[in-house]
């Protein structure tokens, strides 16, 4: 199977392509454009636990302490 991206410049070409689909010669699938903001929203809603500012501060202090010991 070979995949080719085609830009349709004339509506008549779309009719021809649909005819080829009806003959089971080709299959047309639409590409979903990448939307970064929707991806971020999706990832944020999947966050399991929110970290409190106290927990963040605690982690930062631990890392600082380890770094300063070196």
Protein backbone atom coordinates (compact mmCIF):
# COMPACT_ATOMS: atom_id res chain seq x y z
CA UNK A 1 0.00 0.00 0.00
CA UNK A 2 1.27 3.46 -0.89
CA UNK A 3 0.17 6.72 0.69
CA UNK A 4 0.17 9.97 -1.26
CA UNK A 5 -0.95 13.41 -0.13
CA UNK A 6 -3.00 15.29 -2.73
CA UNK A 7 -4.11 18.92 -2.71
CA UNK A 8 -7.36 19.37 -4.62
CA UNK A 9 -7.32 22.52 -6.73
CA UNK A 10 -10.52 21.95 -8.67
CA UNK A 11 -13.82 20.58 -7.29
CA UNK A 12 -14.10 18.32 -10.35
CA UNK A 13 -11.06 16.42 -9.10
CA UNK A 14 -12.91 15.64 -5.86
CA UNK A 15 -15.73 14.09 -7.89
CA UNK A 16 -13.23 11.94 -9.77
CA UNK A 17 -11.63 10.80 -6.54
CA UNK A 18 -15.02 9.94 -5.06
CA UNK A 19 -15.71 7.83 -8.16
CA UNK A 20 -12.50 5.90 -7.50
CA UNK A 21 -13.62 5.37 -3.90
CA UNK A 22 -16.93 3.92 -5.12
CA UNK A 23 -14.98 1.49 -7.32
CA UNK A 24 -12.95 0.42 -4.24
CA UNK A 25 -9.74 1.52 -5.93
CA UNK A 26 -8.72 4.10 -3.34
CA UNK A 27 -9.58 5.10 0.20
CA UNK A 28 -9.77 8.73 1.30
CA UNK A 29 -8.86 9.67 4.87
CA UNK A 30 -8.67 13.19 6.17
CA UNK A 31 -5.65 14.35 8.14
CA UNK A 32 -6.22 15.93 11.51
CA UNK A 33 -4.18 19.09 11.85
CA UNK A 34 -1.91 19.21 14.87
CA UNK A 35 -3.21 21.67 17.43
CA UNK A 36 -0.74 22.31 20.24
CA UNK A 37 -3.20 24.09 22.52
CA UNK A 38 -5.71 21.24 22.38
CA UNK A 39 -2.89 18.80 23.14
CA UNK A 40 -1.94 20.83 26.21
CA UNK A 41 -5.54 20.92 27.41
CA UNK A 42 -5.81 17.17 27.00
CA UNK A 43 -2.59 16.53 28.90
CA UNK A 44 -3.58 18.88 31.70
CA UNK A 45 -6.92 17.18 32.20
CA UNK A 46 -5.17 13.83 32.44
CA UNK A 47 -3.00 14.98 35.35
CA UNK A 48 -3.64 12.57 38.19
CA UNK A 49 -2.51 14.54 41.23
CA UNK A 50 -1.97 18.21 41.69
CA UNK A 51 1.22 19.06 43.53
CA UNK A 52 0.95 21.64 46.28
CA UNK A 53 3.37 24.55 46.57
CA UNK A 54 4.70 22.98 49.77
CA UNK A 55 5.60 19.77 47.94
CA UNK A 56 7.30 21.71 45.15
CA UNK A 57 9.28 23.77 47.66
CA UNK A 58 10.31 20.62 49.50
CA UNK A 59 11.61 19.03 46.28
CA UNK A 60 13.49 22.20 45.32
CA UNK A 61 15.15 22.36 48.73
CA UNK A 62 16.22 18.71 48.47
CA UNK A 63 17.79 19.29 45.06
CA UNK A 64 19.52 22.46 46.25
CA UNK A 65 20.90 20.64 49.26
CA UNK A 66 22.27 17.81 47.12
CA UNK A 67 23.77 20.25 44.65
CA UNK A 68 25.45 22.29 47.39
CA UNK A 69 26.92 19.18 49.00
CA UNK A 70 28.83 18.39 45.81
